[in-house]
Amino acid sequence: MHGTEAHSLVGRPAPDLDLGPARVHELLRSGHGILLDPADTFAGVAGRWSDRVGQGARTEPMLIRPDGYVCWAGAADPEPALNRWFGEPR
């Protein structure tokens, strides 16, 4: 996907990071994706997928599919990845 080719996390299983109240893999049990966005840079964009994608922080920005794989990471706009993996926003 354009904008993610060079990031080493894309296409790999997400690390099971400690996000404070929960770990990444615990959050994935909901069956939703997770957008990790420590600076809330993408909160406005990601909010439109809030019924399918939860949010967490304390790491570099990445979008994790429900199967635990990273499908976007870095500083580029996550909207194309959100559209591809989670459909049209509500």
PDB file of N, CA and C in Angstrom:
ATOM      1  N   MET A   1       0.843  -1.166   0.000  1.00  0.00           N
ATOM      2  CA  MET A   1       0.000   0.000   0.000  1.00  0.00           C
ATOM      3  C   MET A   1       0.895   1.239   0.000  1.00  0.00           C
ATOM      4  N   HIS A   2       0.562   2.205  -0.820  1.00  0.00           N
ATOM      5  CA  HIS A   2       1.351   3.420  -0.937  1.00  0.00           C
ATOM      6  C   HIS A   2       1.533   4.079   0.428  1.00  0.00           C
ATOM      7  N   GLY A   3       2.752   4.468   0.732  1.00  0.00           N
ATOM      8  CA  GLY A   3       3.062   5.152   1.970  1.00  0.00           C
ATOM      9  C   GLY A   3       3.498   4.240   3.100  1.00  0.00           C
ATOM     10  N   THR A   4       3.399   2.930   2.910  1.00  0.00           N
ATOM     11  CA  THR A   4       3.770   2.012   3.991  1.00  0.00           C
ATOM     12  C   THR A   4       4.872   1.050   3.578  1.00  0.00           C
ATOM     13  N   GLU A   5       5.271   1.062   2.321  1.00  0.00           N
ATOM     14  CA  GLU A   5       6.212   0.077   1.812  1.00  0.00           C
ATOM     15  C   GLU A   5       7.511   0.009   2.607  1.00  0.00           C
ATOM     16  N   ALA A   6       8.003   1.147   3.043  1.00  0.00           N
ATOM     17  CA  ALA A   6       9.317   1.188   3.677  1.00  0.00           C
ATOM     18  C   ALA A   6       9.272   0.905   5.170  1.00  0.00           C
ATOM     19  N   HIS A   7       8.114   0.830   5.773  1.00  0.00           N
ATOM     20  CA  HIS A   7       8.054   0.643   7.219  1.00  0.00           C
ATOM     21  C   HIS A   7       8.216  -0.831   7.566  1.00  0.00           C
ATOM     22  N   SER A   8       9.112  -1.114   8.475  1.00  0.00           N
ATOM     23  CA  SER A   8       9.455  -2.502   8.805  1.00  0.00           C
ATOM     24  C   SER A   8       8.344  -3.262   9.539  1.00  0.00           C
ATOM     25  N   LEU A   9       7.380  -2.581  10.136  1.00  0.00           N
ATOM     26  CA  LEU A   9       6.308  -3.271  10.861  1.00  0.00           C
ATOM     27  C   LEU A   9       5.179  -3.779   9.963  1.00  0.00           C
ATOM     28  N   VAL A  10       4.980  -3.142   8.815  1.00  0.00           N
ATOM     29  CA  VAL A  10       3.855  -3.493   7.952  1.00  0.00           C
ATOM     30  C   VAL A  10       4.012  -4.919   7.430  1.00  0.00           C
ATOM     31  N   GLY A  11       2.940  -5.691   7.587  1.00  0.00           N
ATOM     32  CA  GLY A  11       2.934  -7.079   7.141  1.00  0.00           C
ATOM     33  C   GLY A  11       3.416  -8.062   8.191  1.00  0.00           C
ATOM     34  N   ARG A  12       3.813  -7.565   9.334  1.00  0.00           N
ATOM     35  CA  ARG A  12       4.308  -8.430  10.419  1.00  0.00           C
ATOM     36  C   ARG A  12       3.289  -8.498  11.545  1.00  0.00           C
ATOM     37  N   PRO A  13       3.373  -9.537  12.376  1.00  0.00           N
ATOM     38  CA  PRO A  13       2.506  -9.574  13.553  1.00  0.00           C
ATOM     39  C   PRO A  13       2.824  -8.380  14.463  1.00  0.00           C
ATOM     40  N   ALA A  14       1.790  -7.804  15.031  1.00  0.00           N
ATOM     41  CA  ALA A  14       1.973  -6.659  15.925  1.00  0.00           C
ATOM     42  C   ALA A  14       2.683  -7.095  17.198  1.00  0.00           C
ATOM     43  N   PRO A  15       3.594  -6.270  17.687  1.00  0.00           N
ATOM     44  CA  PRO A  15       4.213  -6.594  18.972  1.00  0.00           C
ATOM     45  C   PRO A  15       3.171  -6.484  20.082  1.00  0.00           C
ATOM     46  N   ASP A  16       3.271  -7.347  21.068  1.00  0.00           N
ATOM     47  CA  ASP A  16       2.313  -7.334  22.178  1.00  0.00           C
ATOM     48  C   ASP A  16       2.761  -6.314  23.213  1.00  0.00           C
ATOM     49  N   LEU A  17       2.576  -5.051  22.883  1.00  0.00           N
ATOM     50  CA  LEU A  17       3.035  -3.950  23.720  1.00  0.00           C
ATOM     51  C   LEU A  17       2.146  -3.753  24.941  1.00  0.00           C
ATOM     52  N   ASP A  18       2.746  -3.303  26.010  1.00  0.00           N
ATOM     53  CA  ASP A  18       2.007  -2.928  27.214  1.00  0.00           C
ATOM     54  C   ASP A  18       1.539  -1.493  27.029  1.00  0.00           C
ATOM     55  N   LEU A  19       0.239  -1.294  26.934  1.00  0.00           N
ATOM     56  CA  LEU A  19      -0.327   0.030  26.693  1.00  0.00           C
ATOM     57  C   LEU A  19      -0.860   0.677  27.970  1.00  0.00           C
ATOM     58  N   GLY A  20      -0.462   0.145  29.105  1.00  0.00           N
ATOM     59  CA  GLY A  20      -0.937   0.695  30.373  1.00  0.00           C
ATOM     60  C   GLY A  20      -2.026  -0.180  30.954  1.00  0.00           C
ATOM     61  N   PRO A  21      -3.284   0.145  30.638  1.00  0.00           N
ATOM     62  CA  PRO A  21      -4.360  -0.658  31.206  1.00  0.00           C
ATOM     63  C   PRO A  21      -4.501  -2.039  30.558  1.00  0.00           C
ATOM     64  N   ALA A  22      -3.926  -2.239  29.383  1.00  0.00           N
ATOM     65  CA  ALA A  22      -4.046  -3.518  28.679  1.00  0.00           C
ATOM     66  C   ALA A  22      -2.879  -3.681  27.715  1.00  0.00           C
ATOM     67  N   ARG A  23      -2.694  -4.902  27.265  1.00  0.00           N
ATOM     68  CA  ARG A  23      -1.690  -5.189  26.245  1.00  0.00           C
ATOM     69  C   ARG A  23      -2.389  -5.227  24.884  1.00  0.00           C
ATOM     70  N   VAL A  24      -1.619  -5.073  23.816  1.00  0.00           N
ATOM     71  CA  VAL A  24      -2.182  -5.061  22.464  1.00  0.00           C
ATOM     72  C   VAL A  24      -3.020  -6.309  22.209  1.00  0.00           C
ATOM     73  N   HIS A  25      -2.501  -7.481  22.507  1.00  0.00           N
ATOM     74  CA  HIS A  25      -3.232  -8.706  22.196  1.00  0.00           C
ATOM     75  C   HIS A  25      -4.512  -8.852  23.007  1.00  0.00           C
ATOM     76  N   GLU A  26      -4.570  -8.254  24.186  1.00  0.00           N
ATOM     77  CA  GLU A  26      -5.814  -8.243  24.954  1.00  0.00           C
ATOM     78  C   GLU A  26      -6.865  -7.388  24.255  1.00  0.00           C
ATOM     79  N   LEU A  27      -6.449  -6.258  23.704  1.00  0.00           N
ATOM     80  CA  LEU A  27      -7.382  -5.375  22.996  1.00  0.00           C
ATOM     81  C   LEU A  27      -7.904  -6.029  21.722  1.00  0.00           C
ATOM     82  N   LEU A  28      -7.104  -6.872  21.087  1.00  0.00           N
ATOM     83  CA  LEU A  28      -7.527  -7.531  19.855  1.00  0.00           C
ATOM     84  C   LEU A  28      -8.624  -8.569  20.093  1.00  0.00           C
ATOM     85  N   ARG A  29      -8.805  -8.983  21.312  1.00  0.00           N
ATOM     86  CA  ARG A  29      -9.858  -9.970  21.614  1.00  0.00           C
ATOM     87  C   ARG A  29     -11.252  -9.447  21.297  1.00  0.00           C
ATOM     88  N   SER A  30     -11.383  -8.141  21.164  1.00  0.00           N
ATOM     89  CA  SER A  30     -12.687  -7.550  20.833  1.00  0.00           C
ATOM     90  C   SER A  30     -13.110  -7.870  19.405  1.00  0.00           C
ATOM     91  N   GLY A  31     -12.159  -8.305  18.573  1.00  0.00           N
ATOM     92  CA  GLY A  31     -12.463  -8.561  17.172  1.00  0.00           C
ATOM     93  C   GLY A  31     -12.366  -7.324  16.302  1.00  0.00           C
ATOM     94  N   HIS A  32     -11.942  -6.207  16.882  1.00  0.00           N
ATOM     95  CA  HIS A  32     -11.762  -4.956  16.141  1.00  0.00           C
ATOM     96  C   HIS A  32     -10.289  -4.717  15.885  1.00  0.00           C
ATOM     97  N   GLY A  33     -10.016  -3.855  14.933  1.00  0.00           N
ATOM     98  CA  GLY A  33      -8.650  -3.408  14.721  1.00  0.00           C
ATOM     99  C   GLY A  33      -8.282  -2.407  15.803  1.00  0.00           C
ATOM    100  N   ILE A  34      -7.000  -2.029  15.818  1.00  0.00           N
ATOM    101  CA  ILE A  34      -6.516  -1.050  16.792  1.00  0.00           C
ATOM    102  C   ILE A  34      -5.639  -0.046  16.064  1.00  0.00           C
ATOM    103  N   LEU A  35      -5.882   1.231  16.308  1.00  0.00           N
ATOM    104  CA  LEU A  35      -4.994   2.277  15.824  1.00  0.00           C
ATOM    105  C   LEU A  35      -4.206   2.777  17.019  1.00  0.00           C
ATOM    106  N   LEU A  36      -2.900   2.559  17.007  1.00  0.00           N
ATOM    107  CA  LEU A  36      -2.015   3.087  18.045  1.00  0.00           C
ATOM    108  C   LEU A  36      -1.516   4.430  17.548  1.00  0.00           C
ATOM    109  N   ASP A  37      -1.844   5.472  18.267  1.00  0.00           N
ATOM    110  CA  ASP A  37      -1.599   6.848  17.833  1.00  0.00           C
ATOM    111  C   ASP A  37      -1.201   7.681  19.045  1.00  0.00           C
ATOM    112  N   PRO A  38       0.062   7.607  19.462  1.00  0.00           N
ATOM    113  CA  PRO A  38       0.474   8.228  20.717  1.00  0.00           C
ATOM    114  C   PRO A  38       0.268   9.735  20.806  1.00  0.00           C
ATOM    115  N   ALA A  39       0.318  10.437  19.722  1.00  0.00           N
ATOM    116  CA  ALA A  39       0.166  11.890  19.758  1.00  0.00           C
ATOM    117  C   ALA A  39      -1.241  12.330  19.358  1.00  0.00           C
ATOM    118  N   ASP A  40      -2.165  11.387  19.183  1.00  0.00           N
ATOM    119  CA  ASP A  40      -3.520  11.678  18.705  1.00  0.00           C
ATOM    120  C   ASP A  40      -3.513  12.442  17.391  1.00  0.00           C
ATOM    121  N   THR A  41      -2.506  12.205  16.589  1.00  0.00           N
ATOM    122  CA  THR A  41      -2.373  12.870  15.298  1.00  0.00           C
ATOM    123  C   THR A  41      -3.507  12.501  14.357  1.00  0.00           C
ATOM    124  N   PHE A  42      -3.967  11.265  14.428  1.00  0.00           N
ATOM    125  CA  PHE A  42      -4.941  10.769  13.461  1.00  0.00           C
ATOM    126  C   PHE A  42      -6.316  10.527  14.084  1.00  0.00           C
ATOM    127  N   ALA A  43      -6.573  11.074  15.261  1.00  0.00           N
ATOM    128  CA  ALA A  43      -7.837  10.832  15.964  1.00  0.00           C
ATOM    129  C   ALA A  43      -9.043  11.278  15.140  1.00  0.00           C
ATOM    130  N   GLY A  44      -8.935  12.408  14.455  1.00  0.00           N
ATOM    131  CA  GLY A  44     -10.051  12.893  13.649  1.00  0.00           C
ATOM    132  C   GLY A  44     -10.386  11.970  12.506  1.00  0.00           C
ATOM    133  N   VAL A  45      -9.379  11.450  11.845  1.00  0.00           N
ATOM    134  CA  VAL A  45      -9.586  10.518  10.734  1.00  0.00           C
ATOM    135  C   VAL A  45     -10.119   9.194  11.265  1.00  0.00           C
ATOM    136  N   ALA A  46      -9.463   8.631  12.258  1.00  0.00           N
ATOM    137  CA  ALA A  46      -9.806   7.302  12.765  1.00  0.00           C
ATOM    138  C   ALA A  46     -11.164   7.266  13.456  1.00  0.00           C
ATOM    139  N   GLY A  47     -11.621   8.389  13.970  1.00  0.00           N
ATOM    140  CA  GLY A  47     -12.903   8.423  14.650  1.00  0.00           C
ATOM    141  C   GLY A  47     -14.060   7.954  13.783  1.00  0.00           C
ATOM    142  N   ARG A  48     -13.931   8.100  12.499  1.00  0.00           N
ATOM    143  CA  ARG A  48     -14.997   7.688  11.585  1.00  0.00           C
ATOM    144  C   ARG A  48     -15.106   6.167  11.490  1.00  0.00           C
ATOM    145  N   TRP A  49     -14.114   5.442  11.979  1.00  0.00           N
ATOM    146  CA  TRP A  49     -14.132   3.971  11.989  1.00  0.00           C
ATOM    147  C   TRP A  49     -14.242   3.452  13.425  1.00  0.00           C
ATOM    148  N   SER A  50     -14.683   4.267  14.352  1.00  0.00           N
ATOM    149  CA  SER A  50     -14.662   3.886  15.767  1.00  0.00           C
ATOM    150  C   SER A  50     -15.518   2.659  16.081  1.00  0.00           C
ATOM    151  N   ASP A  51     -16.454   2.321  15.218  1.00  0.00           N
ATOM    152  CA  ASP A  51     -17.259   1.119  15.440  1.00  0.00           C
ATOM    153  C   ASP A  51     -16.500  -0.154  15.076  1.00  0.00           C
ATOM    154  N   ARG A  52     -15.335  -0.011  14.400  1.00  0.00           N
ATOM    155  CA  ARG A  52     -14.547  -1.165  13.983  1.00  0.00           C
ATOM    156  C   ARG A  52     -13.087  -1.113  14.408  1.00  0.00           C
ATOM    157  N   VAL A  53     -12.634   0.071  14.852  1.00  0.00           N
ATOM    158  CA  VAL A  53     -11.227   0.266  15.186  1.00  0.00           C
ATOM    159  C   VAL A  53     -11.117   1.011  16.509  1.00  0.00           C
ATOM    160  N   GLY A  54     -10.512   0.370  17.519  1.00  0.00           N
ATOM    161  CA  GLY A  54     -10.259   1.029  18.786  1.00  0.00           C
ATOM    162  C   GLY A  54      -8.972   1.827  18.704  1.00  0.00           C
ATOM    163  N   GLN A  55      -8.688   2.608  19.729  1.00  0.00           N
ATOM    164  CA  GLN A  55      -7.474   3.410  19.733  1.00  0.00           C
ATOM    165  C   GLN A  55      -6.681   3.183  21.008  1.00  0.00           C
ATOM    166  N   GLY A  56      -5.362   3.243  20.881  1.00  0.00           N
ATOM    167  CA  GLY A  56      -4.456   3.129  22.010  1.00  0.00           C
ATOM    168  C   GLY A  56      -3.278   4.042  21.760  1.00  0.00           C
ATOM    169  N   ALA A  57      -2.336   4.097  22.690  1.00  0.00           N
ATOM    170  CA  ALA A  57      -1.199   5.011  22.547  1.00  0.00           C
ATOM    171  C   ALA A  57       0.070   4.346  23.059  1.00  0.00           C
ATOM    172  N   ARG A  58       1.067   5.165  23.391  1.00  0.00           N
ATOM    173  CA  ARG A  58       2.343   4.756  23.977  1.00  0.00           C
ATOM    174  C   ARG A  58       3.250   3.957  23.048  1.00  0.00           C
ATOM    175  N   THR A  59       3.192   4.220  21.787  1.00  0.00           N
ATOM    176  CA  THR A  59       4.073   3.570  20.831  1.00  0.00           C
ATOM    177  C   THR A  59       4.103   4.411  19.565  1.00  0.00           C
ATOM    178  N   GLU A  60       4.830   3.960  18.559  1.00  0.00           N
ATOM    179  CA  GLU A  60       4.774   4.683  17.296  1.00  0.00           C
ATOM    180  C   GLU A  60       3.439   4.384  16.617  1.00  0.00           C
ATOM    181  N   PRO A  61       2.965   5.282  15.766  1.00  0.00           N
ATOM    182  CA  PRO A  61       1.674   5.064  15.126  1.00  0.00           C
ATOM    183  C   PRO A  61       1.657   3.793  14.288  1.00  0.00           C
ATOM    184  N   MET A  62       0.610   2.984  14.488  1.00  0.00           N
ATOM    185  CA  MET A  62       0.409   1.798  13.655  1.00  0.00           C
ATOM    186  C   MET A  62      -1.050   1.393  13.712  1.00  0.00           C
ATOM    187  N   LEU A  63      -1.512   0.772  12.633  1.00  0.00           N
ATOM    188  CA  LEU A  63      -2.861   0.242  12.544  1.00  0.00           C
ATOM    189  C   LEU A  63      -2.747  -1.275  12.498  1.00  0.00           C
ATOM    190  N   ILE A  64      -3.465  -1.935  13.403  1.00  0.00           N
ATOM    191  CA  ILE A  64      -3.385  -3.386  13.524  1.00  0.00           C
ATOM    192  C   ILE A  64      -4.731  -3.980  13.139  1.00  0.00           C
ATOM    193  N   ARG A  65      -4.699  -4.931  12.206  1.00  0.00           N
ATOM    194  CA  ARG A  65      -5.925  -5.626  11.807  1.00  0.00           C
ATOM    195  C   ARG A  65      -6.396  -6.531  12.941  1.00  0.00           C
ATOM    196  N   PRO A  66      -7.654  -6.965  12.922  1.00  0.00           N
ATOM    197  CA  PRO A  66      -8.147  -7.855  13.970  1.00  0.00           C
ATOM    198  C   PRO A  66      -7.384  -9.179  14.090  1.00  0.00           C
ATOM    199  N   ASP A  67      -6.703  -9.589  13.014  1.00  0.00           N
ATOM    200  CA  ASP A  67      -5.922 -10.832  13.079  1.00  0.00           C
ATOM    201  C   ASP A  67      -4.537 -10.622  13.680  1.00  0.00           C
ATOM    202  N   GLY A  68      -4.233  -9.393  14.115  1.00  0.00           N
ATOM    203  CA  GLY A  68      -2.981  -9.107  14.802  1.00  0.00           C
ATOM    204  C   GLY A  68      -1.835  -8.654  13.917  1.00  0.00           C
ATOM    205  N   TYR A  69      -2.070  -8.464  12.621  1.00  0.00           N
ATOM    206  CA  TYR A  69      -1.013  -8.006  11.728  1.00  0.00           C
ATOM    207  C   TYR A  69      -1.077  -6.503  11.523  1.00  0.00           C
ATOM    208  N   VAL A  70       0.089  -5.875  11.424  1.00  0.00           N
ATOM    209  CA  VAL A  70       0.189  -4.433  11.190  1.00  0.00           C
ATOM    210  C   VAL A  70      -0.088  -4.177   9.712  1.00  0.00           C
ATOM    211  N   CYS A  71      -1.057  -3.315   9.417  1.00  0.00           N
ATOM    212  CA  CYS A  71      -1.375  -3.009   8.015  1.00  0.00           C
ATOM    213  C   CYS A  71      -1.010  -1.575   7.633  1.00  0.00           C
ATOM    214  N   TRP A  72      -0.589  -0.775   8.603  1.00  0.00           N
ATOM    215  CA  TRP A  72      -0.120   0.597   8.338  1.00  0.00           C
ATOM    216  C   TRP A  72       0.725   1.019   9.527  1.00  0.00           C
ATOM    217  N   ALA A  73       1.766   1.772   9.255  1.00  0.00           N
ATOM    218  CA  ALA A  73       2.600   2.325  10.329  1.00  0.00           C
ATOM    219  C   ALA A  73       3.332   3.537   9.792  1.00  0.00           C
ATOM    220  N   GLY A  74       3.679   4.443  10.685  1.00  0.00           N
ATOM    221  CA  GLY A  74       4.467   5.601  10.293  1.00  0.00           C
ATOM    222  C   GLY A  74       3.717   6.903  10.403  1.00  0.00           C
ATOM    223  N   ALA A  75       4.109   7.849   9.578  1.00  0.00           N
ATOM    224  CA  ALA A  75       3.568   9.199   9.663  1.00  0.00           C
ATOM    225  C   ALA A  75       2.634   9.547   8.518  1.00  0.00           C
ATOM    226  N   ALA A  76       2.523   8.671   7.515  1.00  0.00           N
ATOM    227  CA  ALA A  76       1.631   8.948   6.389  1.00  0.00           C
ATOM    228  C   ALA A  76       0.180   8.870   6.846  1.00  0.00           C
ATOM    229  N   ASP A  77      -0.717   9.411   6.067  1.00  0.00           N
ATOM    230  CA  ASP A  77      -2.150   9.401   6.368  1.00  0.00           C
ATOM    231  C   ASP A  77      -2.653   7.954   6.446  1.00  0.00           C
ATOM    232  N   PRO A  78      -3.304   7.550   7.552  1.00  0.00           N
ATOM    233  CA  PRO A  78      -3.790   6.180   7.669  1.00  0.00           C
ATOM    234  C   PRO A  78      -5.111   5.926   6.944  1.00  0.00           C
ATOM    235  N   GLU A  79      -5.734   6.971   6.400  1.00  0.00           N
ATOM    236  CA  GLU A  79      -7.056   6.808   5.798  1.00  0.00           C
ATOM    237  C   GLU A  79      -7.105   5.757   4.689  1.00  0.00           C
ATOM    238  N   PRO A  80      -6.134   5.689   3.760  1.00  0.00           N
ATOM    239  CA  PRO A  80      -6.191   4.628   2.746  1.00  0.00           C
ATOM    240  C   PRO A  80      -6.181   3.223   3.355  1.00  0.00           C
ATOM    241  N   ALA A  81      -5.393   3.014   4.400  1.00  0.00           N
ATOM    242  CA  ALA A  81      -5.356   1.702   5.049  1.00  0.00           C
ATOM    243  C   ALA A  81      -6.658   1.429   5.788  1.00  0.00           C
ATOM    244  N   LEU A  82      -7.219   2.433   6.446  1.00  0.00           N
ATOM    245  CA  LEU A  82      -8.504   2.259   7.114  1.00  0.00           C
ATOM    246  C   LEU A  82      -9.590   1.871   6.109  1.00  0.00           C
ATOM    247  N   ASN A  83      -9.605   2.533   4.957  1.00  0.00           N
ATOM    248  CA  ASN A  83     -10.584   2.196   3.914  1.00  0.00           C
ATOM    249  C   ASN A  83     -10.379   0.782   3.402  1.00  0.00           C
ATOM    250  N   ARG A  84      -9.147   0.417   3.156  1.00  0.00           N
ATOM    251  CA  ARG A  84      -8.879  -0.901   2.577  1.00  0.00           C
ATOM    252  C   ARG A  84      -9.235  -2.024   3.543  1.00  0.00           C
ATOM    253  N   TRP A  85      -8.833  -1.923   4.787  1.00  0.00           N
ATOM    254  CA  TRP A  85      -8.989  -3.027   5.732  1.00  0.00           C
ATOM    255  C   TRP A  85     -10.272  -2.982   6.538  1.00  0.00           C
ATOM    256  N   PHE A  86     -10.913  -1.809   6.647  1.00  0.00           N
ATOM    257  CA  PHE A  86     -12.092  -1.694   7.498  1.00  0.00           C
ATOM    258  C   PHE A  86     -13.306  -1.131   6.768  1.00  0.00           C
ATOM    259  N   GLY A  87     -13.220  -0.970   5.461  1.00  0.00           N
ATOM    260  CA  GLY A  87     -14.358  -0.516   4.678  1.00  0.00           C
ATOM    261  C   GLY A  87     -14.598   0.980   4.766  1.00  0.00           C
ATOM    262  N   GLU A  88     -15.705   1.387   4.224  1.00  0.00           N
ATOM    263  CA  GLU A  88     -16.076   2.801   4.224  1.00  0.00           C
ATOM    264  C   GLU A  88     -16.390   3.264   5.643  1.00  0.00           C
ATOM    265  N   PRO A  89     -16.049   4.517   5.978  1.00  0.00           N
ATOM    266  CA  PRO A  89     -16.388   5.024   7.310  1.00  0.00           C
ATOM    267  C   PRO A  89     -17.892   5.159   7.469  1.00  0.00           C
ATOM    268  N   ARG A  90     -18.312   5.204   8.699  1.00  0.00           N
ATOM    269  CA  ARG A  90     -19.753   5.331   8.954  1.00  0.00           C
ATOM    270  C   ARG A  90     -20.207   6.749   8.748  1.00  0.00           C
TER     271      ARG A  90
END
